[in-house]
Amino acid sequence: MTVLCLTELDGGEAADASLRALTLGRSLDSSALAAVVFADSASVPAGALAGYGVTDVYVIEPGSLEGYAPQAWARTLAGLAAETGATAVLAAGTDRGNEVLAHLGAITGLPMAANCTLVTPDGGQTHRLVRHRWAGLLLEDAVMEAPVALFTVATDSVANVSATPAALSVHVHKPELAGADLVVRAAESPAGAGGVSLATARVVVGGGRGVGGPDGFAPLEELAELLGGVVGVSRVVTSEGWRPHRQQVGQTGTKITPELYLACGISGAIQHIAGCAGARHIIAINTDPGAPILGHADYAVIGDLHQVIPALVAALRAR
């Protein structure tokens, strides 16, 4: 019995969210844990995957399928599931993971559960699930009855735990695809290639309405660079057109799980908190001592971010 895990890469390494998914996949009752990677075989981090108990890696090289095509990726997973006799197919609960697994459910006619925190085989073709509902405000207990369980793993709910390295076999897989599978495709632009993504960054510097406008983000960009992190924003910032939607943190944006989230000029609406609640530490900088985000922060600076951020940048550069 095999468990397949769609494994995303981030800057040439396995994305942290995918490593968490592999950790959960390793806990299932299976004889093999297989990673499916859409990348060039030379760029697959085989050693790191072996350290998470992966026994097989199925590589789908760009020559077979270039760019991100959700339906084609799902068709590939469907073929591999049938070929390997998989009892479960899982992915991280990222935008891509949820989209591809939803397509897989539509292709196979199987039920799919999103944002699971716990999956337990219950004999035969049954799995017991615990999953996030209402942006993580509720936990739902459910039972999935299906010959192959399809689910994604909530990115902030499972610890990233390595294992004794397994003997690893790498297979280059060429999927059988139809033209209809490739109608929707996305190619990553050079400007967006590489680097750390918002979903996997260990440090996020967030900016809200209090930043004042598009030009006000320059100090936040500088601070994020010094800390080895990325910039995130609240919904109002994207609504105003100051920053792109891909940088939005929140219920309708990206859920983040950094070691540090530095929230600057963000009031802390419940939709935003739903996206950053997985941060290990939250520091808020705000002129309003009654801002809701202070109730979720480990530390707070009551002050003007236009004074605090430059002072912090200067202190970091001095060190």
Protein backbone atom coordinates (compact mmCIF):
# COMPACT_ATOMS: atom_id res chain seq x y z
CA MET A 1 0.00 0.00 0.00
CA THR A 2 1.40 3.35 -1.08
CA VAL A 3 0.71 6.90 0.06
CA LEU A 4 1.37 9.56 -2.61
CA CYS A 5 2.23 13.12 -1.59
CA LEU A 6 2.33 16.03 -4.02
CA THR A 7 5.54 17.79 -2.99
CA GLU A 8 6.09 21.43 -3.88
CA LEU A 9 9.52 23.02 -4.16
CA ASP A 10 10.52 26.43 -2.85
CA GLY A 11 13.85 27.84 -3.95
CA GLY A 12 15.14 24.39 -4.91
CA GLU A 13 14.18 22.86 -1.56
CA ALA A 14 11.08 20.97 -0.50
CA ALA A 15 8.55 23.54 0.75
CA ASP A 16 8.01 23.50 4.50
CA ALA A 17 4.27 22.95 4.02
CA SER A 18 5.01 19.86 1.91
CA LEU A 19 7.40 18.51 4.55
CA ARG A 20 4.57 18.83 7.08
CA ALA A 21 2.30 16.93 4.69
CA LEU A 22 4.94 14.19 4.37
CA THR A 23 5.11 14.02 8.17
CA LEU A 24 1.38 13.31 8.33
CA GLY A 25 1.58 10.91 5.39
CA ARG A 26 4.27 8.93 7.19
CA SER A 27 1.82 8.28 10.04
CA LEU A 28 -0.65 6.47 7.77
CA ASP A 29 -0.72 2.70 7.58
CA SER A 30 1.34 2.15 4.43
CA SER A 31 4.35 0.24 3.20
CA ALA A 32 5.67 3.09 1.04
CA LEU A 33 5.59 6.89 1.14
CA ALA A 34 6.09 8.37 -2.32
CA ALA A 35 6.71 12.01 -3.23
CA VAL A 36 5.50 13.37 -6.57
CA VAL A 37 7.60 16.31 -7.75
CA PHE A 38 6.99 18.41 -10.86
CA ALA A 39 10.54 19.57 -11.60
CA ASP A 40 13.75 18.66 -13.35
CA SER A 41 15.22 15.49 -11.86
CA ALA A 42 18.53 17.24 -11.18
CA SER A 43 16.80 19.75 -8.89
CA VAL A 44 14.93 17.23 -6.73
CA PRO A 45 16.18 17.36 -3.09
CA ALA A 46 16.38 13.57 -2.79
CA GLY A 47 18.40 13.56 0.43
CA ALA A 48 15.96 15.83 2.24
CA LEU A 49 12.98 13.76 1.09
CA ALA A 50 14.64 10.53 2.25
CA GLY A 51 15.02 12.19 5.65
CA TYR A 52 11.22 12.38 5.87
CA GLY A 53 10.69 8.68 5.24
CA VAL A 54 10.10 8.94 1.49
CA THR A 55 10.90 5.64 -0.23
CA ASP A 56 10.09 6.64 -3.83
CA VAL A 57 10.17 9.90 -5.76
CA TYR A 58 8.22 10.23 -8.99
CA VAL A 59 9.67 13.09 -11.01
CA ILE A 60 7.61 14.73 -13.73
CA GLU A 61 10.17 16.70 -15.71
CA PRO A 62 9.41 19.93 -17.62
CA GLY A 63 9.94 18.04 -20.89
CA SER A 64 6.82 16.04 -20.09
CA LEU A 65 4.80 18.88 -18.56
CA GLU A 66 6.09 22.44 -18.51
CA GLY A 67 4.63 25.06 -16.18
CA TYR A 68 1.81 24.73 -13.68
CA ALA A 69 -1.28 23.07 -15.16
CA PRO A 70 -3.64 22.02 -12.34
CA GLN A 71 -5.76 19.60 -14.36
CA ALA A 72 -2.69 17.97 -15.91
CA TRP A 73 -1.06 17.64 -12.50
CA ALA A 74 -4.24 16.00 -11.19
CA ARG A 75 -4.39 13.66 -14.19
CA THR A 76 -0.78 12.68 -13.48
CA LEU A 77 -1.61 11.92 -9.85
CA ALA A 78 -4.62 9.86 -10.92
CA GLY A 79 -2.41 7.76 -13.18
CA LEU A 80 0.23 7.27 -10.50
CA ALA A 81 -2.39 6.35 -7.89
CA ALA A 82 -3.72 3.62 -10.15
CA GLU A 83 -0.23 2.43 -11.11
CA THR A 84 1.07 2.22 -7.53
CA GLY A 85 -2.14 0.98 -5.89
CA ALA A 86 -2.18 4.05 -3.64
CA THR A 87 -4.53 4.06 -0.66
CA ALA A 88 -4.21 7.82 -0.17
CA VAL A 89 -3.11 10.90 -2.12
CA LEU A 90 -2.33 14.03 -0.14
CA ALA A 91 -0.84 17.49 -0.55
CA ALA A 92 -0.13 20.55 1.55
CA GLY A 93 -3.12 22.84 2.03
CA THR A 94 -1.58 25.53 -0.18
CA ASP A 95 -3.31 27.21 -3.11
CA ARG A 96 -1.79 24.67 -5.49
CA GLY A 97 -2.31 21.68 -3.22
CA ASN A 98 -6.00 22.42 -2.71
CA GLU A 99 -6.57 23.19 -6.39
CA VAL A 100 -4.84 20.08 -7.71
CA LEU A 101 -6.52 17.74 -5.22
CA ALA A 102 -9.92 19.25 -6.05
CA HIS A 103 -9.26 18.52 -9.73
CA LEU A 104 -8.18 14.99 -8.76
CA GLY A 105 -11.46 14.45 -6.92
CA ALA A 106 -13.40 15.64 -9.98
CA ILE A 107 -11.42 13.37 -12.31
CA THR A 108 -11.72 10.24 -10.16
CA GLY A 109 -15.15 10.87 -8.65
CA LEU A 110 -13.66 10.44 -5.17
CA PRO A 111 -14.39 12.67 -2.15
CA MET A 112 -11.67 15.14 -1.16
CA ALA A 113 -11.18 16.73 2.28
CA ALA A 114 -9.25 20.00 2.61
CA ASN A 115 -7.13 21.35 5.48
CA CYS A 116 -6.93 18.20 7.61
CA THR A 117 -5.05 18.21 10.90
CA LEU A 118 -5.31 14.47 11.60
CA VAL A 119 -5.99 11.45 9.38
CA THR A 120 -6.34 7.97 10.84
CA PRO A 121 -7.02 4.77 8.83
CA ASP A 122 -10.00 2.98 10.31
CA GLY A 123 -9.81 -0.35 8.51
CA GLY A 124 -10.86 -1.22 4.98
CA GLN A 125 -11.62 1.87 2.91
CA THR A 126 -12.39 4.23 5.80
CA HIS A 127 -10.38 7.10 7.25
CA ARG A 128 -11.26 9.25 10.24
CA LEU A 129 -10.44 12.92 9.74
CA VAL A 130 -10.13 16.09 11.77
CA ARG A 131 -10.06 19.21 9.63
CA HIS A 132 -10.27 22.98 9.82
CA ARG A 133 -13.57 24.67 9.01
CA TRP A 134 -14.46 28.35 8.92
CA ALA A 135 -10.85 29.43 8.38
CA GLY A 136 -9.65 27.32 11.30
CA LEU A 137 -12.15 28.67 13.83
CA LEU A 138 -13.76 25.21 14.12
CA LEU A 139 -12.47 21.64 13.99
CA GLU A 140 -14.69 19.07 12.30
CA ASP A 141 -14.59 15.32 12.96
CA ALA A 142 -15.51 13.37 9.84
CA VAL A 143 -15.33 9.92 8.30
CA MET A 144 -14.23 9.42 4.70
CA GLU A 145 -15.28 6.23 2.94
CA ALA A 146 -13.42 5.83 -0.34
CA PRO A 147 -11.06 3.33 -2.00
CA VAL A 148 -8.45 6.12 -2.19
CA ALA A 149 -8.44 8.93 0.39
CA LEU A 150 -7.80 12.40 -1.06
CA PHE A 151 -6.95 15.19 1.36
CA THR A 152 -4.78 18.23 1.97
CA VAL A 153 -2.98 19.01 5.21
CA ALA A 154 -3.56 22.29 7.05
CA THR A 155 -0.24 24.11 6.74
CA ASP A 156 -0.07 25.28 10.37
CA SER A 157 -1.35 22.18 12.15
CA VAL A 158 1.28 19.48 11.75
CA ALA A 159 4.82 19.74 13.10
CA ASN A 160 7.68 19.45 10.63
CA VAL A 161 9.33 16.23 11.91
CA SER A 162 12.08 14.36 10.09
CA ALA A 163 12.63 10.61 10.34
CA THR A 164 15.35 8.01 9.91
CA PRO A 165 16.42 8.33 6.26
CA ALA A 166 14.86 5.70 4.03
CA ALA A 167 16.35 3.91 1.03
CA LEU A 168 15.19 6.08 -1.86
CA SER A 169 14.35 5.21 -5.47
CA VAL A 170 13.89 7.99 -8.04
CA HIS A 171 11.61 7.36 -11.04
CA VAL A 172 11.20 9.71 -14.01
CA HIS A 173 7.51 9.49 -14.89
CA LYS A 174 6.01 10.58 -18.20
CA PRO A 175 2.26 11.09 -17.83
CA GLU A 176 -0.32 10.39 -20.52
CA LEU A 177 -2.17 13.66 -21.04
CA ALA A 178 -4.85 14.94 -23.40
CA GLY A 179 -4.90 18.38 -24.95
CA ALA A 180 -7.82 19.34 -22.72
CA ASP A 181 -5.63 18.77 -19.66
CA LEU A 182 -3.29 21.53 -20.81
CA VAL A 183 -5.80 24.25 -21.63
CA VAL A 184 -5.11 26.06 -18.34
CA ARG A 185 -1.39 26.54 -17.75
CA ALA A 186 0.62 29.10 -15.81
CA ALA A 187 4.28 29.91 -16.38
CA GLU A 188 6.25 31.57 -13.60
CA SER A 189 7.77 34.88 -14.62
CA PRO A 190 11.48 35.46 -13.96
CA ALA A 191 10.56 38.17 -11.43
CA GLY A 192 8.56 35.68 -9.40
CA ALA A 193 10.92 32.74 -9.72
CA GLY A 194 13.04 31.56 -6.82
CA GLY A 195 13.29 33.09 -3.40
CA VAL A 196 11.06 32.49 -0.42
CA SER A 197 7.29 32.37 -0.78
CA LEU A 198 4.83 34.01 1.60
CA ALA A 199 3.34 30.64 2.58
CA THR A 200 6.69 29.16 3.61
CA ALA A 201 8.67 32.20 4.83
CA ARG A 202 10.09 31.98 8.35
CA VAL A 203 9.83 35.79 8.76
CA VAL A 204 6.99 37.94 7.42
CA VAL A 205 6.85 41.73 7.71
CA GLY A 206 3.20 42.74 7.31
CA GLY A 207 1.87 46.14 6.32
CA GLY A 208 -1.66 47.52 6.60
CA ARG A 209 -3.54 50.76 6.08
CA GLY A 210 -1.21 52.48 8.52
CA VAL A 211 1.65 52.26 6.01
CA GLY A 212 -0.08 55.13 4.21
CA GLY A 213 0.35 54.20 0.56
CA PRO A 214 2.46 52.31 -1.97
CA ASP A 215 5.61 54.33 -1.24
CA GLY A 216 5.38 53.52 2.45
CA PHE A 217 6.37 49.90 1.85
CA ALA A 218 10.01 50.65 1.00
CA PRO A 219 11.17 50.52 4.66
CA LEU A 220 9.21 47.28 5.18
CA GLU A 221 10.90 45.75 2.13
CA GLU A 222 14.30 46.78 3.51
CA LEU A 223 13.49 45.30 6.94
CA ALA A 224 12.24 42.05 5.41
CA GLU A 225 15.44 41.73 3.38
CA LEU A 226 17.59 42.26 6.48
CA LEU A 227 15.62 39.58 8.34
CA GLY A 228 15.67 37.12 5.45
CA GLY A 229 11.90 37.32 5.11
CA VAL A 230 9.15 38.61 2.83
CA VAL A 231 6.49 41.30 2.91
CA GLY A 232 2.81 40.47 3.49
CA VAL A 233 -0.17 42.81 3.54
CA SER A 234 -3.71 43.10 4.84
CA ARG A 235 -6.79 42.95 2.61
CA VAL A 236 -7.34 46.72 2.58
CA VAL A 237 -3.89 47.20 1.04
CA THR A 238 -4.75 45.00 -1.93
CA SER A 239 -8.22 46.57 -2.20
CA GLU A 240 -6.56 49.99 -2.51
CA GLY A 241 -4.27 48.62 -5.22
CA TRP A 242 -1.12 49.37 -3.24
CA ARG A 243 0.23 45.80 -3.43
CA PRO A 244 -0.67 42.62 -5.38
CA HIS A 245 -3.16 40.07 -4.02
CA ARG A 246 -0.47 37.35 -3.88
CA GLN A 247 0.99 39.21 -0.87
CA GLN A 248 -2.26 39.24 1.10
CA VAL A 249 -2.32 37.47 4.45
CA GLY A 250 -5.74 36.36 5.65
CA GLN A 251 -8.82 34.23 5.16
CA THR A 252 -9.08 35.23 1.48
CA GLY A 253 -5.33 35.41 1.03
CA THR A 254 -2.46 33.23 2.22
CA LYS A 255 -2.29 31.48 5.59
CA ILE A 256 1.21 31.89 6.98
CA THR A 257 3.18 29.96 9.61
CA PRO A 258 6.39 31.94 10.17
CA GLU A 259 8.62 31.97 13.23
CA LEU A 260 8.04 35.73 13.37
CA TYR A 261 5.24 37.92 12.05
CA LEU A 262 5.88 41.65 12.41
CA ALA A 263 2.54 43.40 11.82
CA CYS A 264 2.95 47.10 11.02
CA GLY A 265 -0.05 49.41 10.93
CA ILE A 266 -2.50 46.48 10.81
CA SER A 267 -5.65 46.70 12.93
CA GLY A 268 -6.20 42.92 13.05
CA ALA A 269 -9.63 42.11 11.62
CA ILE A 270 -10.73 38.52 12.28
CA GLN A 271 -10.17 37.62 8.61
CA HIS A 272 -6.55 38.73 8.90
CA ILE A 273 -6.02 36.89 12.18
CA ALA A 274 -7.29 33.71 10.49
CA GLY A 275 -4.32 34.00 8.13
CA CYS A 276 -1.57 34.77 10.65
CA ALA A 277 -2.70 32.80 13.73
CA GLY A 278 -0.22 30.05 12.85
CA ALA A 279 2.77 32.37 13.43
CA ARG A 280 4.95 31.28 16.32
CA HIS A 281 5.54 34.87 17.47
CA ILE A 282 3.60 38.03 16.57
CA ILE A 283 4.94 41.54 17.15
CA ALA A 284 2.58 44.44 16.45
CA ILE A 285 3.54 48.04 15.74
CA ASN A 286 0.52 50.32 15.96
CA THR A 287 -0.41 53.81 17.10
CA ASP A 288 -3.73 52.52 18.48
CA PRO A 289 -3.38 50.80 21.87
CA GLY A 290 -6.87 49.34 21.35
CA ALA A 291 -6.18 47.69 17.99
CA PRO A 292 -7.54 44.10 18.00
CA ILE A 293 -4.24 42.65 16.80
CA LEU A 294 -2.63 43.58 20.12
CA GLY A 295 -4.78 40.91 21.74
CA HIS A 296 -3.00 38.30 19.63
CA ALA A 297 0.52 39.73 19.80
CA ASP A 298 3.33 38.44 22.00
CA TYR A 299 4.88 41.90 22.01
CA ALA A 300 3.60 45.32 20.94
CA VAL A 301 5.17 48.68 20.18
CA ILE A 302 2.71 51.55 20.55
CA GLY A 303 4.11 54.06 18.14
CA ASP A 304 4.37 55.37 14.58
CA LEU A 305 5.72 52.68 12.25
CA HIS A 306 7.34 55.43 10.14
CA GLN A 307 9.61 56.11 13.10
CA VAL A 308 9.89 52.59 14.54
CA ILE A 309 10.78 50.73 11.31
CA PRO A 310 13.66 53.06 10.25
CA ALA A 311 15.04 52.87 13.80
CA LEU A 312 14.85 49.08 13.70
CA VAL A 313 16.53 48.97 10.27
CA ALA A 314 19.32 51.24 11.52
CA ALA A 315 19.85 49.06 14.61
CA LEU A 316 20.03 45.89 12.49
CA ARG A 317 22.51 47.45 10.09
CA ALA A 318 24.64 48.62 13.00
CA ARG A 319 24.88 45.00 14.20
